[in-house]
Amino acid sequence: PITEKAEYETALLKKLDFFFNASNQYVRSVLKSSITIYHI
């Protein structure tokens, strides 16, 4: 449940970090160009 943050914060971030991280090519492209990328 969303209210029990302590149990899943680490697991949730681990799942997301698979794609949303500093080495991701789309993240780096947006940070470098400030241009929105659609439909990834």
PDB file of all heavy atoms in Angstrom:
ATOM      1  N   PRO A   1       0.831  -1.222   0.000  1.00  0.00           N
ATOM      2  CA  PRO A   1       0.000   0.000   0.000  1.00  0.00           C
ATOM      3  C   PRO A   1       0.854   1.255   0.000  1.00  0.00           C
ATOM      4  O   PRO A   1       1.958   1.278   0.545  1.00  0.00           O
ATOM      5  CB  PRO A   1      -0.817  -0.123   1.295  1.00  0.00           C
ATOM      6  CG  PRO A   1      -0.002  -1.028   2.174  1.00  0.00           C
ATOM      7  CD  PRO A   1       0.675  -1.987   1.242  1.00  0.00           C
ATOM      8  N   ILE A   2       0.321   2.288  -0.626  1.00  0.00           N
ATOM      9  CA  ILE A   2       1.079   3.520  -0.785  1.00  0.00           C
ATOM     10  C   ILE A   2       1.443   4.136   0.564  1.00  0.00           C
ATOM     11  O   ILE A   2       2.469   4.780   0.721  1.00  0.00           O
ATOM     12  CB  ILE A   2       0.272   4.522  -1.625  1.00  0.00           C
ATOM     13  CG1 ILE A   2       0.102   3.970  -3.045  1.00  0.00           C
ATOM     14  CG2 ILE A   2       0.931   5.888  -1.683  1.00  0.00           C
ATOM     15  CD1 ILE A   2      -0.798   4.783  -3.918  1.00  0.00           C
ATOM     16  N   THR A   3       0.605   3.919   1.573  1.00  0.00           N
ATOM     17  CA  THR A   3       0.856   4.537   2.886  1.00  0.00           C
ATOM     18  C   THR A   3       2.060   3.924   3.605  1.00  0.00           C
ATOM     19  O   THR A   3       2.634   4.552   4.494  1.00  0.00           O
ATOM     20  CB  THR A   3      -0.394   4.394   3.766  1.00  0.00           C
ATOM     21  OG1 THR A   3      -0.756   3.013   3.836  1.00  0.00           O
ATOM     22  CG2 THR A   3      -1.551   5.190   3.191  1.00  0.00           C
ATOM     23  N   GLU A   4       2.445   2.714   3.250  1.00  0.00           N
ATOM     24  CA  GLU A   4       3.571   2.057   3.926  1.00  0.00           C
ATOM     25  C   GLU A   4       4.839   2.281   3.099  1.00  0.00           C
ATOM     26  O   GLU A   4       5.376   1.369   2.481  1.00  0.00           O
ATOM     27  CB  GLU A   4       3.287   0.567   4.103  1.00  0.00           C
ATOM     28  CG  GLU A   4       2.069   0.297   4.968  1.00  0.00           C
ATOM     29  CD  GLU A   4       1.754  -1.182   5.086  1.00  0.00           C
ATOM     30  OE1 GLU A   4       2.577  -1.997   4.595  1.00  0.00           O
ATOM     31  OE2 GLU A   4       0.712  -1.536   5.644  1.00  0.00           O
ATOM     32  N   LYS A   5       5.304   3.503   3.081  1.00  0.00           N
ATOM     33  CA  LYS A   5       6.405   3.883   2.205  1.00  0.00           C
ATOM     34  C   LYS A   5       7.704   3.167   2.536  1.00  0.00           C
ATOM     35  O   LYS A   5       8.500   2.866   1.658  1.00  0.00           O
ATOM     36  CB  LYS A   5       6.627   5.399   2.255  1.00  0.00           C
ATOM     37  CG  LYS A   5       5.445   6.187   1.706  1.00  0.00           C
ATOM     38  CD  LYS A   5       5.729   7.667   1.717  1.00  0.00           C
ATOM     39  CE  LYS A   5       4.555   8.443   1.139  1.00  0.00           C
ATOM     40  NZ  LYS A   5       4.811   9.893   1.125  1.00  0.00           N
ATOM     41  N   ALA A   6       7.937   2.895   3.795  1.00  0.00           N
ATOM     42  CA  ALA A   6       9.218   2.307   4.194  1.00  0.00           C
ATOM     43  C   ALA A   6       9.469   0.954   3.537  1.00  0.00           C
ATOM     44  O   ALA A   6      10.617   0.605   3.262  1.00  0.00           O
ATOM     45  CB  ALA A   6       9.268   2.166   5.716  1.00  0.00           C
ATOM     46  N   GLU A   7       8.402   0.203   3.267  1.00  0.00           N
ATOM     47  CA  GLU A   7       8.563  -1.152   2.740  1.00  0.00           C
ATOM     48  C   GLU A   7       8.927  -1.183   1.266  1.00  0.00           C
ATOM     49  O   GLU A   7       9.552  -2.125   0.806  1.00  0.00           O
ATOM     50  CB  GLU A   7       7.276  -1.957   2.952  1.00  0.00           C
ATOM     51  CG  GLU A   7       6.992  -2.278   4.402  1.00  0.00           C
ATOM     52  CD  GLU A   7       5.845  -3.258   4.526  1.00  0.00           C
ATOM     53  OE1 GLU A   7       5.499  -3.892   3.519  1.00  0.00           O
ATOM     54  OE2 GLU A   7       5.292  -3.362   5.627  1.00  0.00           O
ATOM     55  N   TYR A   8       8.494  -0.192   0.524  1.00  0.00           N
ATOM     56  CA  TYR A   8       8.682  -0.331  -0.920  1.00  0.00           C
ATOM     57  C   TYR A   8       9.467   0.788  -1.583  1.00  0.00           C
ATOM     58  O   TYR A   8       9.672   0.760  -2.791  1.00  0.00           O
ATOM     59  CB  TYR A   8       7.315  -0.461  -1.622  1.00  0.00           C
ATOM     60  CG  TYR A   8       6.434   0.749  -1.496  1.00  0.00           C
ATOM     61  CD1 TYR A   8       6.646   1.867  -2.297  1.00  0.00           C
ATOM     62  CD2 TYR A   8       5.394   0.769  -0.595  1.00  0.00           C
ATOM     63  CE1 TYR A   8       5.838   2.972  -2.189  1.00  0.00           C
ATOM     64  CE2 TYR A   8       4.573   1.868  -0.488  1.00  0.00           C
ATOM     65  CZ  TYR A   8       4.788   2.970  -1.281  1.00  0.00           C
ATOM     66  OH  TYR A   8       3.983   4.065  -1.178  1.00  0.00           O
ATOM     67  N   GLU A   9       9.872   1.801  -0.868  1.00  0.00           N
ATOM     68  CA  GLU A   9      10.632   2.902  -1.475  1.00  0.00           C
ATOM     69  C   GLU A   9      11.863   2.385  -2.205  1.00  0.00           C
ATOM     70  O   GLU A   9      12.116   2.743  -3.352  1.00  0.00           O
ATOM     71  CB  GLU A   9      11.057   3.915  -0.397  1.00  0.00           C
ATOM     72  CG  GLU A   9       9.952   4.833   0.067  1.00  0.00           C
ATOM     73  CD  GLU A   9       9.761   5.984  -0.894  1.00  0.00           C
ATOM     74  OE1 GLU A   9      10.617   6.166  -1.780  1.00  0.00           O
ATOM     75  OE2 GLU A   9       8.753   6.697  -0.776  1.00  0.00           O
ATOM     76  N   THR A  10      12.612   1.542  -1.538  1.00  0.00           N
ATOM     77  CA  THR A  10      13.839   1.015  -2.145  1.00  0.00           C
ATOM     78  C   THR A  10      13.515   0.169  -3.369  1.00  0.00           C
ATOM     79  O   THR A  10      14.153   0.302  -4.430  1.00  0.00           O
ATOM     80  CB  THR A  10      14.628   0.176  -1.126  1.00  0.00           C
ATOM     81  OG1 THR A  10      14.932   0.983   0.006  1.00  0.00           O
ATOM     82  CG2 THR A  10      15.915  -0.333  -1.752  1.00  0.00           C
ATOM     83  N   ALA A  11      12.492  -0.710  -3.221  1.00  0.00           N
ATOM     84  CA  ALA A  11      12.110  -1.582  -4.346  1.00  0.00           C
ATOM     85  C   ALA A  11      11.592  -0.772  -5.526  1.00  0.00           C
ATOM     86  O   ALA A  11      11.909  -1.046  -6.683  1.00  0.00           O
ATOM     87  CB  ALA A  11      11.052  -2.590  -3.888  1.00  0.00           C
ATOM     88  N   LEU A  12      10.805   0.261  -5.226  1.00  0.00           N
ATOM     89  CA  LEU A  12      10.257   1.106  -6.288  1.00  0.00           C
ATOM     90  C   LEU A  12      11.359   1.833  -7.045  1.00  0.00           C
ATOM     91  O   LEU A  12      11.391   1.841  -8.278  1.00  0.00           O
ATOM     92  CB  LEU A  12       9.275   2.109  -5.683  1.00  0.00           C
ATOM     93  CG  LEU A  12       8.668   3.152  -6.643  1.00  0.00           C
ATOM     94  CD1 LEU A  12       7.932   2.462  -7.774  1.00  0.00           C
ATOM     95  CD2 LEU A  12       7.742   4.091  -5.884  1.00  0.00           C
ATOM     96  N   LEU A  13      12.270   2.432  -6.332  1.00  0.00           N
ATOM     97  CA  LEU A  13      13.373   3.144  -6.973  1.00  0.00           C
ATOM     98  C   LEU A  13      14.237   2.195  -7.795  1.00  0.00           C
ATOM     99  O   LEU A  13      14.748   2.560  -8.863  1.00  0.00           O
ATOM    100  CB  LEU A  13      14.216   3.870  -5.927  1.00  0.00           C
ATOM    101  CG  LEU A  13      13.536   5.062  -5.247  1.00  0.00           C
ATOM    102  CD1 LEU A  13      14.425   5.611  -4.124  1.00  0.00           C
ATOM    103  CD2 LEU A  13      13.241   6.161  -6.268  1.00  0.00           C
ATOM    104  N   LYS A  14      14.384   0.975  -7.281  1.00  0.00           N
ATOM    105  CA  LYS A  14      15.186  -0.015  -8.008  1.00  0.00           C
ATOM    106  C   LYS A  14      14.530  -0.359  -9.343  1.00  0.00           C
ATOM    107  O   LYS A  14      15.207  -0.493 -10.368  1.00  0.00           O
ATOM    108  CB  LYS A  14      15.372  -1.257  -7.164  1.00  0.00           C
ATOM    109  CG  LYS A  14      16.257  -2.306  -7.805  1.00  0.00           C
ATOM    110  CD  LYS A  14      16.455  -3.501  -6.882  1.00  0.00           C
ATOM    111  CE  LYS A  14      17.346  -4.552  -7.530  1.00  0.00           C
ATOM    112  NZ  LYS A  14      17.522  -5.741  -6.649  1.00  0.00           N
ATOM    113  N   LYS A  15      13.203  -0.495  -9.330  1.00  0.00           N
ATOM    114  CA  LYS A  15      12.489  -0.788 -10.568  1.00  0.00           C
ATOM    115  C   LYS A  15      12.616   0.363 -11.559  1.00  0.00           C
ATOM    116  O   LYS A  15      12.871   0.152 -12.756  1.00  0.00           O
ATOM    117  CB  LYS A  15      11.005  -1.055 -10.273  1.00  0.00           C
ATOM    118  CG  LYS A  15      10.733  -2.251  -9.374  1.00  0.00           C
ATOM    119  CD  LYS A  15      11.074  -3.558 -10.050  1.00  0.00           C
ATOM    120  CE  LYS A  15      10.692  -4.739  -9.155  1.00  0.00           C
ATOM    121  NZ  LYS A  15      11.100  -6.036  -9.742  1.00  0.00           N
ATOM    122  N   LEU A  16      12.453   1.584 -11.071  1.00  0.00           N
ATOM    123  CA  LEU A  16      12.492   2.759 -11.940  1.00  0.00           C
ATOM    124  C   LEU A  16      13.896   3.046 -12.459  1.00  0.00           C
ATOM    125  O   LEU A  16      14.077   3.505 -13.588  1.00  0.00           O
ATOM    126  CB  LEU A  16      11.958   3.984 -11.193  1.00  0.00           C
ATOM    127  CG  LEU A  16      10.453   3.979 -10.927  1.00  0.00           C
ATOM    128  CD1 LEU A  16      10.097   5.109  -9.971  1.00  0.00           C
ATOM    129  CD2 LEU A  16       9.687   4.128 -12.236  1.00  0.00           C
ATOM    130  N   ASP A  17      14.881   2.785 -11.610  1.00  0.00           N
ATOM    131  CA  ASP A  17      16.262   3.103 -11.979  1.00  0.00           C
ATOM    132  C   ASP A  17      16.755   2.272 -13.161  1.00  0.00           C
ATOM    133  O   ASP A  17      17.747   2.622 -13.790  1.00  0.00           O
ATOM    134  CB  ASP A  17      17.188   2.877 -10.770  1.00  0.00           C
ATOM    135  CG  ASP A  17      18.572   3.445 -11.019  1.00  0.00           C
ATOM    136  OD1 ASP A  17      18.670   4.668 -11.272  1.00  0.00           O
ATOM    137  OD2 ASP A  17      19.544   2.665 -10.990  1.00  0.00           O
ATOM    138  N   PHE A  18      16.042   1.219 -13.463  1.00  0.00           N
ATOM    139  CA  PHE A  18      16.410   0.417 -14.629  1.00  0.00           C
ATOM    140  C   PHE A  18      16.374   1.247 -15.906  1.00  0.00           C
ATOM    141  O   PHE A  18      17.143   1.019 -16.838  1.00  0.00           O
ATOM    142  CB  PHE A  18      15.465  -0.788 -14.751  1.00  0.00           C
ATOM    143  CG  PHE A  18      15.767  -1.687 -15.915  1.00  0.00           C
ATOM    144  CD1 PHE A  18      16.791  -2.617 -15.854  1.00  0.00           C
ATOM    145  CD2 PHE A  18      15.036  -1.595 -17.102  1.00  0.00           C
ATOM    146  CE1 PHE A  18      17.078  -3.429 -16.935  1.00  0.00           C
ATOM    147  CE2 PHE A  18      15.324  -2.396 -18.182  1.00  0.00           C
ATOM    148  CZ  PHE A  18      16.341  -3.331 -18.098  1.00  0.00           C
ATOM    149  N   PHE A  19      15.456   2.240 -15.935  1.00  0.00           N
ATOM    150  CA  PHE A  19      15.340   3.093 -17.116  1.00  0.00           C
ATOM    151  C   PHE A  19      15.651   4.560 -16.807  1.00  0.00           C
ATOM    152  O   PHE A  19      16.348   5.236 -17.575  1.00  0.00           O
ATOM    153  CB  PHE A  19      13.927   2.992 -17.691  1.00  0.00           C
ATOM    154  CG  PHE A  19      13.716   3.807 -18.937  1.00  0.00           C
ATOM    155  CD1 PHE A  19      14.132   3.340 -20.179  1.00  0.00           C
ATOM    156  CD2 PHE A  19      13.132   5.069 -18.880  1.00  0.00           C
ATOM    157  CE1 PHE A  19      13.961   4.092 -21.320  1.00  0.00           C
ATOM    158  CE2 PHE A  19      12.951   5.835 -20.023  1.00  0.00           C
ATOM    159  CZ  PHE A  19      13.362   5.336 -21.250  1.00  0.00           C
ATOM    160  N   PHE A  20      15.138   5.062 -15.698  1.00  0.00           N
ATOM    161  CA  PHE A  20      15.306   6.477 -15.363  1.00  0.00           C
ATOM    162  C   PHE A  20      16.594   6.661 -14.566  1.00  0.00           C
ATOM    163  O   PHE A  20      16.605   6.621 -13.330  1.00  0.00           O
ATOM    164  CB  PHE A  20      14.098   6.967 -14.572  1.00  0.00           C
ATOM    165  CG  PHE A  20      12.803   6.845 -15.316  1.00  0.00           C
ATOM    166  CD1 PHE A  20      11.973   5.752 -15.096  1.00  0.00           C
ATOM    167  CD2 PHE A  20      12.426   7.794 -16.249  1.00  0.00           C
ATOM    168  CE1 PHE A  20      10.781   5.624 -15.783  1.00  0.00           C
ATOM    169  CE2 PHE A  20      11.237   7.675 -16.947  1.00  0.00           C
ATOM    170  CZ  PHE A  20      10.412   6.579 -16.722  1.00  0.00           C
ATOM    171  N   ASN A  21      17.699   6.878 -15.279  1.00  0.00           N
ATOM    172  CA  ASN A  21      19.006   7.038 -14.627  1.00  0.00           C
ATOM    173  C   ASN A  21      19.883   7.970 -15.455  1.00  0.00           C
ATOM    174  O   ASN A  21      19.549   8.306 -16.598  1.00  0.00           O
ATOM    175  CB  ASN A  21      19.686   5.676 -14.441  1.00  0.00           C
ATOM    176  CG  ASN A  21      19.811   4.920 -15.758  1.00  0.00           C
ATOM    177  OD1 ASN A  21      20.583   5.306 -16.631  1.00  0.00           O
ATOM    178  ND2 ASN A  21      19.038   3.844 -15.897  1.00  0.00           N
ATOM    179  N   ALA A  22      21.001   8.369 -14.895  1.00  0.00           N
ATOM    180  CA  ALA A  22      21.884   9.359 -15.530  1.00  0.00           C
ATOM    181  C   ALA A  22      22.512   8.852 -16.813  1.00  0.00           C
ATOM    182  O   ALA A  22      22.883   9.644 -17.692  1.00  0.00           O
ATOM    183  CB  ALA A  22      22.969   9.786 -14.541  1.00  0.00           C
ATOM    184  N   SER A  23      22.633   7.535 -16.965  1.00  0.00           N
ATOM    185  CA  SER A  23      23.277   6.991 -18.168  1.00  0.00           C
ATOM    186  C   SER A  23      22.291   6.737 -19.303  1.00  0.00           C
ATOM    187  O   SER A  23      22.711   6.407 -20.415  1.00  0.00           O
ATOM    188  CB  SER A  23      24.007   5.685 -17.818  1.00  0.00           C
ATOM    189  OG  SER A  23      23.092   4.707 -17.355  1.00  0.00           O
ATOM    190  N   ASN A  24      20.997   6.900 -19.041  1.00  0.00           N
ATOM    191  CA  ASN A  24      19.994   6.672 -20.090  1.00  0.00           C
ATOM    192  C   ASN A  24      20.157   7.687 -21.210  1.00  0.00           C
ATOM    193  O   ASN A  24      20.286   8.892 -20.953  1.00  0.00           O
ATOM    194  CB  ASN A  24      18.587   6.757 -19.487  1.00  0.00           C
ATOM    195  CG  ASN A  24      17.506   6.480 -20.520  1.00  0.00           C
ATOM    196  OD1 ASN A  24      17.150   7.347 -21.297  1.00  0.00           O
ATOM    197  ND2 ASN A  24      16.994   5.265 -20.495  1.00  0.00           N
ATOM    198  N   GLN A  25      20.156   7.216 -22.459  1.00  0.00           N
ATOM    199  CA  GLN A  25      20.416   8.092 -23.605  1.00  0.00           C
ATOM    200  C   GLN A  25      19.354   9.180 -23.754  1.00  0.00           C
ATOM    201  O   GLN A  25      19.662  10.313 -24.159  1.00  0.00           O
ATOM    202  CB  GLN A  25      20.470   7.259 -24.892  1.00  0.00           C
ATOM    203  CG  GLN A  25      19.193   6.482 -25.201  1.00  0.00           C
ATOM    204  CD  GLN A  25      19.251   5.776 -26.534  1.00  0.00           C
ATOM    205  OE1 GLN A  25      19.892   6.248 -27.471  1.00  0.00           O
ATOM    206  NE2 GLN A  25      18.592   4.612 -26.623  1.00  0.00           N
ATOM    207  N   TYR A  26      18.116   8.876 -23.406  1.00  0.00           N
ATOM    208  CA  TYR A  26      17.048   9.876 -23.541  1.00  0.00           C
ATOM    209  C   TYR A  26      17.187  10.945 -22.463  1.00  0.00           C
ATOM    210  O   TYR A  26      16.984  12.145 -22.728  1.00  0.00           O
ATOM    211  CB  TYR A  26      15.670   9.194 -23.462  1.00  0.00           C
ATOM    212  CG  TYR A  26      15.459   8.151 -24.528  1.00  0.00           C
ATOM    213  CD1 TYR A  26      15.443   6.793 -24.212  1.00  0.00           C
ATOM    214  CD2 TYR A  26      15.276   8.526 -25.853  1.00  0.00           C
ATOM    215  CE1 TYR A  26      15.253   5.836 -25.195  1.00  0.00           C
ATOM    216  CE2 TYR A  26      15.079   7.574 -26.852  1.00  0.00           C
ATOM    217  CZ  TYR A  26      15.077   6.222 -26.512  1.00  0.00           C
ATOM    218  OH  TYR A  26      14.890   5.272 -27.484  1.00  0.00           O
ATOM    219  N   VAL A  27      17.504  10.519 -21.230  1.00  0.00           N
ATOM    220  CA  VAL A  27      17.714  11.473 -20.150  1.00  0.00           C
ATOM    221  C   VAL A  27      18.868  12.402 -20.492  1.00  0.00           C
ATOM    222  O   VAL A  27      18.779  13.639 -20.356  1.00  0.00           O
ATOM    223  CB  VAL A  27      17.986  10.740 -18.822  1.00  0.00           C
ATOM    224  CG1 VAL A  27      18.343  11.748 -17.724  1.00  0.00           C
ATOM    225  CG2 VAL A  27      16.774   9.902 -18.416  1.00  0.00           C
ATOM    226  N   ARG A  28      19.959  11.832 -20.960  1.00  0.00           N
ATOM    227  CA  ARG A  28      21.126  12.651 -21.320  1.00  0.00           C
ATOM    228  C   ARG A  28      20.809  13.604 -22.461  1.00  0.00           C
ATOM    229  O   ARG A  28      21.266  14.748 -22.493  1.00  0.00           O
ATOM    230  CB  ARG A  28      22.306  11.747 -21.694  1.00  0.00           C
ATOM    231  CG  ARG A  28      22.906  11.045 -20.473  1.00  0.00           C
ATOM    232  CD  ARG A  28      24.209  10.322 -20.790  1.00  0.00           C
ATOM    233  NE  ARG A  28      23.959   9.075 -21.530  1.00  0.00           N
ATOM    234  CZ  ARG A  28      24.242   8.896 -22.804  1.00  0.00           C
ATOM    235  NH1 ARG A  28      24.786   9.880 -23.503  1.00  0.00           N
ATOM    236  NH2 ARG A  28      24.009   7.731 -23.377  1.00  0.00           N
ATOM    237  N   SER A  29      20.013  13.132 -23.444  1.00  0.00           N
ATOM    238  CA  SER A  29      19.658  13.969 -24.587  1.00  0.00           C
ATOM    239  C   SER A  29      18.821  15.165 -24.153  1.00  0.00           C
ATOM    240  O   SER A  29      19.044  16.302 -24.608  1.00  0.00           O
ATOM    241  CB  SER A  29      18.888  13.141 -25.613  1.00  0.00           C
ATOM    242  OG  SER A  29      18.482  13.939 -26.705  1.00  0.00           O
ATOM    243  N   VAL A  30      17.843  14.943 -23.254  1.00  0.00           N
ATOM    244  CA  VAL A  30      16.997  16.041 -22.785  1.00  0.00           C
ATOM    245  C   VAL A  30      17.819  17.041 -21.976  1.00  0.00           C
ATOM    246  O   VAL A  30      17.686  18.264 -22.121  1.00  0.00           O
ATOM    247  CB  VAL A  30      15.814  15.490 -21.957  1.00  0.00           C
ATOM    248  CG1 VAL A  30      15.044  16.639 -21.294  1.00  0.00           C
ATOM    249  CG2 VAL A  30      14.880  14.671 -22.833  1.00  0.00           C
ATOM    250  N   LEU A  31      18.698  16.527 -21.106  1.00  0.00           N
ATOM    251  CA  LEU A  31      19.542  17.426 -20.292  1.00  0.00           C
ATOM    252  C   LEU A  31      20.492  18.236 -21.161  1.00  0.00           C
ATOM    253  O   LEU A  31      20.810  19.392 -20.850  1.00  0.00           O
ATOM    254  CB  LEU A  31      20.339  16.600 -19.273  1.00  0.00           C
ATOM    255  CG  LEU A  31      19.530  15.973 -18.133  1.00  0.00           C
ATOM    256  CD1 LEU A  31      20.412  15.042 -17.300  1.00  0.00           C
ATOM    257  CD2 LEU A  31      18.923  17.062 -17.241  1.00  0.00           C
ATOM    258  N   LYS A  32      20.912  17.688 -22.257  1.00  0.00           N
ATOM    259  CA  LYS A  32      21.871  18.368 -23.118  1.00  0.00           C
ATOM    260  C   LYS A  32      21.199  19.361 -24.063  1.00  0.00           C
ATOM    261  O   LYS A  32      21.704  20.474 -24.288  1.00  0.00           O
ATOM    262  CB  LYS A  32      22.656  17.341 -23.932  1.00  0.00           C
ATOM    263  CG  LYS A  32      23.728  17.954 -24.827  1.00  0.00           C
ATOM    264  CD  LYS A  32      24.511  16.870 -25.553  1.00  0.00           C
ATOM    265  CE  LYS A  32      25.587  17.475 -26.456  1.00  0.00           C
ATOM    266  NZ  LYS A  32      26.369  16.423 -27.149  1.00  0.00           N
ATOM    267  N   SER A  33      20.035  18.969 -24.610  1.00  0.00           N
ATOM    268  CA  SER A  33      19.402  19.793 -25.653  1.00  0.00           C
ATOM    269  C   SER A  33      18.182  20.563 -25.178  1.00  0.00           C
ATOM    270  O   SER A  33      17.732  21.499 -25.860  1.00  0.00           O
ATOM    271  CB  SER A  33      18.981  18.905 -26.831  1.00  0.00           C
ATOM    272  OG  SER A  33      17.968  17.990 -26.414  1.00  0.00           O
ATOM    273  N   SER A  34      17.612  20.169 -24.024  1.00  0.00           N
ATOM    274  CA  SER A  34      16.364  20.771 -23.519  1.00  0.00           C
ATOM    275  C   SER A  34      15.213  20.606 -24.507  1.00  0.00           C
ATOM    276  O   SER A  34      14.304  21.441 -24.578  1.00  0.00           O
ATOM    277  CB  SER A  34      16.569  22.264 -23.203  1.00  0.00           C
ATOM    278  OG  SER A  34      17.508  22.428 -22.149  1.00  0.00           O
ATOM    279  N   ILE A  35      15.252  19.535 -25.275  1.00  0.00           N
ATOM    280  CA  ILE A  35      14.195  19.240 -26.253  1.00  0.00           C
ATOM    281  C   ILE A  35      13.402  18.017 -25.782  1.00  0.00           C
ATOM    282  O   ILE A  35      13.981  17.012 -25.348  1.00  0.00           O
ATOM    283  CB  ILE A  35      14.798  18.964 -27.646  1.00  0.00           C
ATOM    284  CG1 ILE A  35      15.495  20.224 -28.180  1.00  0.00           C
ATOM    285  CG2 ILE A  35      13.706  18.505 -28.624  1.00  0.00           C
ATOM    286  CD1 ILE A  35      16.212  20.003 -29.495  1.00  0.00           C
ATOM    287  N   THR A  36      12.071  18.107 -25.874  1.00  0.00           N
ATOM    288  CA  THR A  36      11.197  17.014 -25.447  1.00  0.00           C
ATOM    289  C   THR A  36      11.242  15.862 -26.455  1.00  0.00           C
ATOM    290  O   THR A  36      11.238  16.084 -27.677  1.00  0.00           O
ATOM    291  CB  THR A  36       9.747  17.499 -25.296  1.00  0.00           C
ATOM    292  OG1 THR A  36       9.725  18.550 -24.327  1.00  0.00           O
ATOM    293  CG2 THR A  36       8.834  16.368 -24.848  1.00  0.00           C
ATOM    294  N   ILE A  37      11.296  14.659 -25.945  1.00  0.00           N
ATOM    295  CA  ILE A  37      11.269  13.446 -26.776  1.00  0.00           C
ATOM    296  C   ILE A  37       9.950  12.722 -26.505  1.00  0.00           C
ATOM    297  O   ILE A  37       9.591  12.464 -25.346  1.00  0.00           O
ATOM    298  CB  ILE A  37      12.451  12.510 -26.444  1.00  0.00           C
ATOM    299  CG1 ILE A  37      13.786  13.252 -26.616  1.00  0.00           C
ATOM    300  CG2 ILE A  37      12.416  11.273 -27.329  1.00  0.00           C
ATOM    301  CD1 ILE A  37      14.983  12.442 -26.176  1.00  0.00           C
ATOM    302  N   TYR A  38       9.223  12.396 -27.583  1.00  0.00           N
ATOM    303  CA  TYR A  38       7.893  11.800 -27.447  1.00  0.00           C
ATOM    304  C   TYR A  38       7.900  10.306 -27.791  1.00  0.00           C
ATOM    305  O   TYR A  38       8.700   9.825 -28.588  1.00  0.00           O
ATOM    306  CB  TYR A  38       6.888  12.510 -28.358  1.00  0.00           C
ATOM    307  CG  TYR A  38       6.692  13.971 -28.007  1.00  0.00           C
ATOM    308  CD1 TYR A  38       7.418  14.964 -28.660  1.00  0.00           C
ATOM    309  CD2 TYR A  38       5.777  14.351 -27.025  1.00  0.00           C
ATOM    310  CE1 TYR A  38       7.239  16.307 -28.347  1.00  0.00           C
ATOM    311  CE2 TYR A  38       5.588  15.696 -26.704  1.00  0.00           C
ATOM    312  CZ  TYR A  38       6.319  16.665 -27.367  1.00  0.00           C
ATOM    313  OH  TYR A  38       6.149  17.988 -27.050  1.00  0.00           O
ATOM    314  N   HIS A  39       6.952   9.593 -27.200  1.00  0.00           N
ATOM    315  CA  HIS A  39       6.625   8.205 -27.550  1.00  0.00           C
ATOM    316  C   HIS A  39       7.835   7.266 -27.456  1.00  0.00           C
ATOM    317  O   HIS A  39       8.112   6.481 -28.367  1.00  0.00           O
ATOM    318  CB  HIS A  39       6.029   8.131 -28.959  1.00  0.00           C
ATOM    319  CG  HIS A  39       4.864   9.051 -29.166  1.00  0.00           C
ATOM    320  ND1 HIS A  39       3.736   9.019 -28.370  1.00  0.00           N
ATOM    321  CD2 HIS A  39       4.676  10.053 -30.067  1.00  0.00           C
ATOM    322  CE1 HIS A  39       2.889   9.950 -28.791  1.00  0.00           C
ATOM    323  NE2 HIS A  39       3.439  10.604 -29.808  1.00  0.00           N
ATOM    324  N   ILE A  40       8.534   7.358 -26.349  1.00  0.00           N
ATOM    325  CA  ILE A  40       9.613   6.397 -26.095  1.00  0.00           C
ATOM    326  C   ILE A  40       8.963   5.101 -25.604  1.00  0.00           C
ATOM    327  O   ILE A  40       8.165   5.117 -24.667  1.00  0.00           O
ATOM    328  CB  ILE A  40      10.592   6.929 -25.023  1.00  0.00           C
ATOM    329  CG1 ILE A  40      11.168   8.290 -25.457  1.00  0.00           C
ATOM    330  CG2 ILE A  40      11.708   5.929 -24.771  1.00  0.00           C
ATOM    331  CD1 ILE A  40      11.892   9.019 -24.331  1.00  0.00           C
TER     332      ILE A  40
END
